[in-house]
Amino acid sequence: MTMRRTEEEILQDLVVRAQAVLGNERAALIRSTLEQTARQLYEVAQAQPVRDIEPGFYHAGE
Protein backbone atom coordinates (compact mmCIF):
# COMPACT_ATOMS: atom_id res chain seq x y z
CA MET A 1 0.00 0.00 0.00
CA THR A 2 1.41 3.37 -1.00
CA MET A 3 1.17 6.26 1.42
CA ARG A 4 -0.10 9.40 -0.30
CA ARG A 5 1.85 12.54 0.41
CA THR A 6 0.25 15.91 0.98
CA GLU A 7 1.04 18.91 -1.19
CA GLU A 8 2.90 20.47 1.76
CA GLU A 9 5.06 17.34 2.19
CA ILE A 10 5.95 17.39 -1.49
CA LEU A 11 6.81 21.09 -1.27
CA GLN A 12 9.03 20.57 1.77
CA ASP A 13 10.90 17.80 -0.04
CA LEU A 14 11.42 20.02 -3.09
CA VAL A 15 12.63 22.92 -0.92
CA VAL A 16 15.13 20.70 0.93
CA ARG A 17 16.45 19.31 -2.35
CA ALA A 18 16.69 22.77 -3.93
CA GLN A 19 18.57 24.07 -0.90
CA ALA A 20 21.01 21.15 -1.09
CA VAL A 21 21.68 21.69 -4.78
CA LEU A 22 21.36 25.45 -5.16
CA GLY A 23 21.90 26.83 -1.68
CA ASN A 24 19.38 28.62 0.54
CA GLU A 25 19.45 31.96 -1.27
CA ARG A 26 18.83 30.59 -4.77
CA ALA A 27 16.25 28.11 -3.47
CA ALA A 28 14.35 31.03 -1.94
CA LEU A 29 14.37 32.78 -5.33
CA ILE A 30 12.59 29.86 -6.97
CA ARG A 31 10.09 29.28 -4.15
CA SER A 32 7.03 30.08 -6.32
CA THR A 33 8.21 27.59 -8.94
CA LEU A 34 8.67 24.94 -6.25
CA GLU A 35 5.17 25.64 -4.94
CA GLN A 36 3.66 25.32 -8.41
CA THR A 37 5.60 22.10 -9.04
CA ALA A 38 4.44 20.63 -5.71
CA ARG A 39 0.83 21.51 -6.56
CA GLN A 40 1.09 19.88 -9.99
CA LEU A 41 2.78 16.74 -8.65
CA TYR A 42 0.06 16.44 -6.01
CA GLU A 43 -2.70 16.80 -8.62
CA VAL A 44 -1.11 14.18 -10.87
CA ALA A 45 -0.83 11.78 -7.93
CA GLN A 46 -4.55 12.21 -7.22
CA ALA A 47 -5.64 11.32 -10.76
CA GLN A 48 -5.86 7.57 -11.16
CA PRO A 49 -6.32 6.33 -14.73
CA VAL A 50 -9.22 4.04 -15.52
CA ARG A 51 -7.83 0.50 -15.65
CA ASP A 52 -9.81 -0.49 -18.74
CA ILE A 53 -8.40 2.29 -20.93
CA GLU A 54 -5.10 1.75 -22.67
CA PRO A 55 -2.87 4.84 -23.00
CA GLY A 56 -3.02 6.38 -26.47
CA PHE A 57 0.50 7.66 -26.95
CA TYR A 58 1.60 5.53 -29.87
CA HIS A 59 3.72 7.04 -32.62
CA ALA A 60 2.19 6.33 -36.01
CA GLY A 61 4.61 5.69 -38.82
CA GLU A 62 7.69 4.97 -36.72
PDB file of N, CA and C in Angstrom:
ATOM      1  N   MET A   1       0.840  -1.176   0.000  1.00  0.00           N
ATOM      2  CA  MET A   1       0.000   0.000   0.000  1.00  0.00           C
ATOM      3  C   MET A   1       0.890   1.245   0.000  1.00  0.00           C
ATOM      4  N   THR A   2       0.614   2.162  -0.874  1.00  0.00           N
ATOM      5  CA  THR A   2       1.409   3.372  -0.999  1.00  0.00           C
ATOM      6  C   THR A   2       0.800   4.488  -0.161  1.00  0.00           C
ATOM      7  N   MET A   3       1.656   5.134   0.621  1.00  0.00           N
ATOM      8  CA  MET A   3       1.172   6.257   1.418  1.00  0.00           C
ATOM      9  C   MET A   3       1.156   7.508   0.541  1.00  0.00           C
ATOM     10  N   ARG A   4       0.018   8.172   0.492  1.00  0.00           N
ATOM     11  CA  ARG A   4      -0.095   9.397  -0.301  1.00  0.00           C
ATOM     12  C   ARG A   4       0.466  10.564   0.480  1.00  0.00           C
ATOM     13  N   ARG A   5       1.242  11.376  -0.213  1.00  0.00           N
ATOM     14  CA  ARG A   5       1.849  12.543   0.409  1.00  0.00           C
ATOM     15  C   ARG A   5       0.982  13.764   0.168  1.00  0.00           C
ATOM     16  N   THR A   6       0.995  14.669   1.128  1.00  0.00           N
ATOM     17  CA  THR A   6       0.248  15.909   0.979  1.00  0.00           C
ATOM     18  C   THR A   6       1.053  16.863   0.098  1.00  0.00           C
ATOM     19  N   GLU A   7       0.369  17.888  -0.375  1.00  0.00           N
ATOM     20  CA  GLU A   7       1.038  18.907  -1.187  1.00  0.00           C
ATOM     21  C   GLU A   7       2.147  19.579  -0.378  1.00  0.00           C
ATOM     22  N   GLU A   8       1.900  19.829   0.888  1.00  0.00           N
ATOM     23  CA  GLU A   8       2.898  20.466   1.756  1.00  0.00           C
ATOM     24  C   GLU A   8       4.130  19.573   1.936  1.00  0.00           C
ATOM     25  N   GLU A   9       3.928  18.269   2.060  1.00  0.00           N
ATOM     26  CA  GLU A   9       5.060  17.343   2.189  1.00  0.00           C
ATOM     27  C   GLU A   9       5.900  17.331   0.916  1.00  0.00           C
ATOM     28  N   ILE A  10       5.234  17.350  -0.218  1.00  0.00           N
ATOM     29  CA  ILE A  10       5.953  17.394  -1.495  1.00  0.00           C
ATOM     30  C   ILE A  10       6.754  18.683  -1.594  1.00  0.00           C
ATOM     31  N   LEU A  11       6.131  19.800  -1.220  1.00  0.00           N
ATOM     32  CA  LEU A  11       6.808  21.091  -1.266  1.00  0.00           C
ATOM     33  C   LEU A  11       8.036  21.092  -0.357  1.00  0.00           C
ATOM     34  N   GLN A  12       7.893  20.588   0.844  1.00  0.00           N
ATOM     35  CA  GLN A  12       9.031  20.571   1.772  1.00  0.00           C
ATOM     36  C   GLN A  12      10.184  19.747   1.210  1.00  0.00           C
ATOM     37  N   ASP A  13       9.861  18.626   0.573  1.00  0.00           N
ATOM     38  CA  ASP A  13      10.899  17.799  -0.041  1.00  0.00           C
ATOM     39  C   ASP A  13      11.601  18.557  -1.170  1.00  0.00           C
ATOM     40  N   LEU A  14      10.826  19.242  -2.003  1.00  0.00           N
ATOM     41  CA  LEU A  14      11.415  20.018  -3.094  1.00  0.00           C
ATOM     42  C   LEU A  14      12.294  21.146  -2.568  1.00  0.00           C
ATOM     43  N   VAL A  15      11.852  21.820  -1.513  1.00  0.00           N
ATOM     44  CA  VAL A  15      12.631  22.918  -0.923  1.00  0.00           C
ATOM     45  C   VAL A  15      13.954  22.388  -0.369  1.00  0.00           C
ATOM     46  N   VAL A  16      13.902  21.284   0.355  1.00  0.00           N
ATOM     47  CA  VAL A  16      15.127  20.701   0.929  1.00  0.00           C
ATOM     48  C   VAL A  16      16.103  20.315  -0.182  1.00  0.00           C
ATOM     49  N   ARG A  17      15.584  19.709  -1.237  1.00  0.00           N
ATOM     50  CA  ARG A  17      16.451  19.311  -2.346  1.00  0.00           C
ATOM     51  C   ARG A  17      17.032  20.527  -3.068  1.00  0.00           C
ATOM     52  N   ALA A  18      16.209  21.554  -3.271  1.00  0.00           N
ATOM     53  CA  ALA A  18      16.691  22.766  -3.931  1.00  0.00           C
ATOM     54  C   ALA A  18      17.772  23.439  -3.084  1.00  0.00           C
ATOM     55  N   GLN A  19      17.579  23.467  -1.786  1.00  0.00           N
ATOM     56  CA  GLN A  19      18.572  24.069  -0.902  1.00  0.00           C
ATOM     57  C   GLN A  19      19.885  23.291  -0.948  1.00  0.00           C
ATOM     58  N   ALA A  20      19.799  21.983  -1.030  1.00  0.00           N
ATOM     59  CA  ALA A  20      21.006  21.155  -1.088  1.00  0.00           C
ATOM     60  C   ALA A  20      21.774  21.377  -2.385  1.00  0.00           C
ATOM     61  N   VAL A  21      21.043  21.542  -3.476  1.00  0.00           N
ATOM     62  CA  VAL A  21      21.684  21.685  -4.785  1.00  0.00           C
ATOM     63  C   VAL A  21      22.074  23.133  -5.079  1.00  0.00           C
ATOM     64  N   LEU A  22      21.170  24.061  -4.757  1.00  0.00           N
ATOM     65  CA  LEU A  22      21.363  25.452  -5.156  1.00  0.00           C
ATOM     66  C   LEU A  22      21.814  26.381  -4.039  1.00  0.00           C
ATOM     67  N   GLY A  23      21.627  25.956  -2.811  1.00  0.00           N
ATOM     68  CA  GLY A  23      21.899  26.827  -1.679  1.00  0.00           C
ATOM     69  C   GLY A  23      20.605  27.527  -1.251  1.00  0.00           C
ATOM     70  N   ASN A  24      20.589  28.009  -0.022  1.00  0.00           N
ATOM     71  CA  ASN A  24      19.381  28.617   0.544  1.00  0.00           C
ATOM     72  C   ASN A  24      18.904  29.845  -0.226  1.00  0.00           C
ATOM     73  N   GLU A  25      19.822  30.703  -0.608  1.00  0.00           N
ATOM     74  CA  GLU A  25      19.451  31.960  -1.268  1.00  0.00           C
ATOM     75  C   GLU A  25      18.786  31.709  -2.621  1.00  0.00           C
ATOM     76  N   ARG A  26      19.403  30.877  -3.446  1.00  0.00           N
ATOM     77  CA  ARG A  26      18.831  30.593  -4.767  1.00  0.00           C
ATOM     78  C   ARG A  26      17.545  29.781  -4.657  1.00  0.00           C
ATOM     79  N   ALA A  27      17.475  28.887  -3.670  1.00  0.00           N
ATOM     80  CA  ALA A  27      16.248  28.114  -3.465  1.00  0.00           C
ATOM     81  C   ALA A  27      15.098  29.043  -3.090  1.00  0.00           C
ATOM     82  N   ALA A  28      15.377  30.062  -2.312  1.00  0.00           N
ATOM     83  CA  ALA A  28      14.351  31.031  -1.938  1.00  0.00           C
ATOM     84  C   ALA A  28      13.857  31.802  -3.162  1.00  0.00           C
ATOM     85  N   LEU A  29      14.747  32.056  -4.118  1.00  0.00           N
ATOM     86  CA  LEU A  29      14.367  32.781  -5.326  1.00  0.00           C
ATOM     87  C   LEU A  29      13.408  31.996  -6.211  1.00  0.00           C
ATOM     88  N   ILE A  30      13.461  30.677  -6.132  1.00  0.00           N
ATOM     89  CA  ILE A  30      12.587  29.860  -6.973  1.00  0.00           C
ATOM     90  C   ILE A  30      11.426  29.248  -6.170  1.00  0.00           C
ATOM     91  N   ARG A  31      11.139  29.806  -5.027  1.00  0.00           N
ATOM     92  CA  ARG A  31      10.092  29.277  -4.150  1.00  0.00           C
ATOM     93  C   ARG A  31       8.740  29.150  -4.872  1.00  0.00           C
ATOM     94  N   SER A  32       8.336  30.153  -5.635  1.00  0.00           N
ATOM     95  CA  SER A  32       7.034  30.083  -6.316  1.00  0.00           C
ATOM     96  C   SER A  32       7.014  28.943  -7.334  1.00  0.00           C
ATOM     97  N   THR A  33       8.128  28.696  -7.996  1.00  0.00           N
ATOM     98  CA  THR A  33       8.209  27.585  -8.937  1.00  0.00           C
ATOM     99  C   THR A  33       8.114  26.258  -8.205  1.00  0.00           C
ATOM    100  N   LEU A  34       8.749  26.161  -7.054  1.00  0.00           N
ATOM    101  CA  LEU A  34       8.668  24.940  -6.252  1.00  0.00           C
ATOM    102  C   LEU A  34       7.241  24.698  -5.767  1.00  0.00           C
ATOM    103  N   GLU A  35       6.552  25.767  -5.382  1.00  0.00           N
ATOM    104  CA  GLU A  35       5.166  25.635  -4.937  1.00  0.00           C
ATOM    105  C   GLU A  35       4.271  25.150  -6.074  1.00  0.00           C
ATOM    106  N   GLN A  36       4.453  25.723  -7.255  1.00  0.00           N
ATOM    107  CA  GLN A  36       3.664  25.321  -8.414  1.00  0.00           C
ATOM    108  C   GLN A  36       3.954  23.864  -8.774  1.00  0.00           C
ATOM    109  N   THR A  37       5.207  23.474  -8.727  1.00  0.00           N
ATOM    110  CA  THR A  37       5.598  22.101  -9.039  1.00  0.00           C
ATOM    111  C   THR A  37       4.988  21.131  -8.038  1.00  0.00           C
ATOM    112  N   ALA A  38       5.029  21.480  -6.751  1.00  0.00           N
ATOM    113  CA  ALA A  38       4.439  20.629  -5.713  1.00  0.00           C
ATOM    114  C   ALA A  38       2.944  20.468  -5.946  1.00  0.00           C
ATOM    115  N   ARG A  39       2.267  21.555  -6.294  1.00  0.00           N
ATOM    116  CA  ARG A  39       0.826  21.510  -6.556  1.00  0.00           C
ATOM    117  C   ARG A  39       0.527  20.578  -7.726  1.00  0.00           C
ATOM    118  N   GLN A  40       1.308  20.702  -8.798  1.00  0.00           N
ATOM    119  CA  GLN A  40       1.087  19.879  -9.987  1.00  0.00           C
ATOM    120  C   GLN A  40       1.392  18.404  -9.725  1.00  0.00           C
ATOM    121  N   LEU A  41       2.456  18.129  -8.991  1.00  0.00           N
ATOM    122  CA  LEU A  41       2.776  16.741  -8.650  1.00  0.00           C
ATOM    123  C   LEU A  41       1.680  16.127  -7.788  1.00  0.00           C
ATOM    124  N   TYR A  42       1.149  16.914  -6.858  1.00  0.00           N
ATOM    125  CA  TYR A  42       0.062  16.436  -6.006  1.00  0.00           C
ATOM    126  C   TYR A  42      -1.177  16.123  -6.841  1.00  0.00           C
ATOM    127  N   GLU A  43      -1.519  17.011  -7.767  1.00  0.00           N
ATOM    128  CA  GLU A  43      -2.697  16.802  -8.619  1.00  0.00           C
ATOM    129  C   GLU A  43      -2.538  15.569  -9.499  1.00  0.00           C
ATOM    130  N   VAL A  44      -1.358  15.365 -10.040  1.00  0.00           N
ATOM    131  CA  VAL A  44      -1.110  14.184 -10.870  1.00  0.00           C
ATOM    132  C   VAL A  44      -1.244  12.917 -10.023  1.00  0.00           C
ATOM    133  N   ALA A  45      -0.742  12.945  -8.808  1.00  0.00           N
ATOM    134  CA  ALA A  45      -0.825  11.778  -7.933  1.00  0.00           C
ATOM    135  C   ALA A  45      -2.266  11.441  -7.564  1.00  0.00           C
ATOM    136  N   GLN A  46      -3.145  12.429  -7.569  1.00  0.00           N
ATOM    137  CA  GLN A  46      -4.547  12.206  -7.217  1.00  0.00           C
ATOM    138  C   GLN A  46      -5.357  11.615  -8.366  1.00  0.00           C
ATOM    139  N   ALA A  47      -4.898  11.762  -9.582  1.00  0.00           N
ATOM    140  CA  ALA A  47      -5.639  11.316 -10.761  1.00  0.00           C
ATOM    141  C   ALA A  47      -5.235   9.882 -11.101  1.00  0.00           C
ATOM    142  N   GLN A  48      -6.125   8.969 -10.843  1.00  0.00           N
ATOM    143  CA  GLN A  48      -5.864   7.569 -11.159  1.00  0.00           C
ATOM    144  C   GLN A  48      -6.510   7.228 -12.500  1.00  0.00           C
ATOM    145  N   PRO A  49      -5.747   6.669 -13.432  1.00  0.00           N
ATOM    146  CA  PRO A  49      -6.324   6.325 -14.727  1.00  0.00           C
ATOM    147  C   PRO A  49      -7.310   5.163 -14.588  1.00  0.00           C
ATOM    148  N   VAL A  50      -8.279   5.133 -15.485  1.00  0.00           N
ATOM    149  CA  VAL A  50      -9.220   4.036 -15.520  1.00  0.00           C
ATOM    150  C   VAL A  50      -8.472   2.806 -16.000  1.00  0.00           C
ATOM    151  N   ARG A  51      -8.622   1.694 -15.327  1.00  0.00           N
ATOM    152  CA  ARG A  51      -7.833   0.502 -15.649  1.00  0.00           C
ATOM    153  C   ARG A  51      -8.184  -0.108 -16.998  1.00  0.00           C
ATOM    154  N   ASP A  52      -9.388   0.123 -17.495  1.00  0.00           N
ATOM    155  CA  ASP A  52      -9.812  -0.489 -18.743  1.00  0.00           C
ATOM    156  C   ASP A  52      -9.396   0.293 -19.981  1.00  0.00           C
ATOM    157  N   ILE A  53      -8.793   1.447 -19.794  1.00  0.00           N
ATOM    158  CA  ILE A  53      -8.401   2.289 -20.926  1.00  0.00           C
ATOM    159  C   ILE A  53      -6.898   2.204 -21.121  1.00  0.00           C
ATOM    160  N   GLU A  54      -6.512   1.842 -22.341  1.00  0.00           N
ATOM    161  CA  GLU A  54      -5.100   1.751 -22.670  1.00  0.00           C
ATOM    162  C   GLU A  54      -4.588   3.132 -23.086  1.00  0.00           C
ATOM    163  N   PRO A  55      -3.402   3.527 -22.620  1.00  0.00           N
ATOM    164  CA  PRO A  55      -2.874   4.842 -22.996  1.00  0.00           C
ATOM    165  C   PRO A  55      -2.748   4.975 -24.511  1.00  0.00           C
ATOM    166  N   GLY A  56      -3.064   6.154 -25.036  1.00  0.00           N
ATOM    167  CA  GLY A  56      -3.016   6.375 -26.470  1.00  0.00           C
ATOM    168  C   GLY A  56      -1.861   7.253 -26.876  1.00  0.00           C
ATOM    169  N   PHE A  57      -0.662   6.829 -26.622  1.00  0.00           N
ATOM    170  CA  PHE A  57       0.496   7.661 -26.953  1.00  0.00           C
ATOM    171  C   PHE A  57       1.420   6.947 -27.944  1.00  0.00           C
ATOM    172  N   TYR A  58       0.811   6.252 -28.874  1.00  0.00           N
ATOM    173  CA  TYR A  58       1.600   5.535 -29.869  1.00  0.00           C
ATOM    174  C   TYR A  58       2.030   6.484 -30.975  1.00  0.00           C
ATOM    175  N   HIS A  59       3.187   6.222 -31.530  1.00  0.00           N
ATOM    176  CA  HIS A  59       3.719   7.036 -32.623  1.00  0.00           C
ATOM    177  C   HIS A  59       3.402   6.339 -33.935  1.00  0.00           C
ATOM    178  N   ALA A  60       2.543   6.906 -34.710  1.00  0.00           N
ATOM    179  CA  ALA A  60       2.194   6.334 -36.007  1.00  0.00           C
ATOM    180  C   ALA A  60       3.312   6.562 -37.002  1.00  0.00           C
ATOM    181  N   GLY A  61       3.634   5.554 -37.752  1.00  0.00           N
ATOM    182  CA  GLY A  61       4.612   5.690 -38.819  1.00  0.00           C
ATOM    183  C   GLY A  61       6.067   5.555 -38.374  1.00  0.00           C
ATOM    184  N   GLU A  62       6.290   5.144 -37.170  1.00  0.00           N
ATOM    185  CA  GLU A  62       7.688   4.970 -36.725  1.00  0.00           C
ATOM    186  C   GLU A  62       8.006   3.516 -36.517  1.00  0.00           C
TER     187      GLU A  62
END
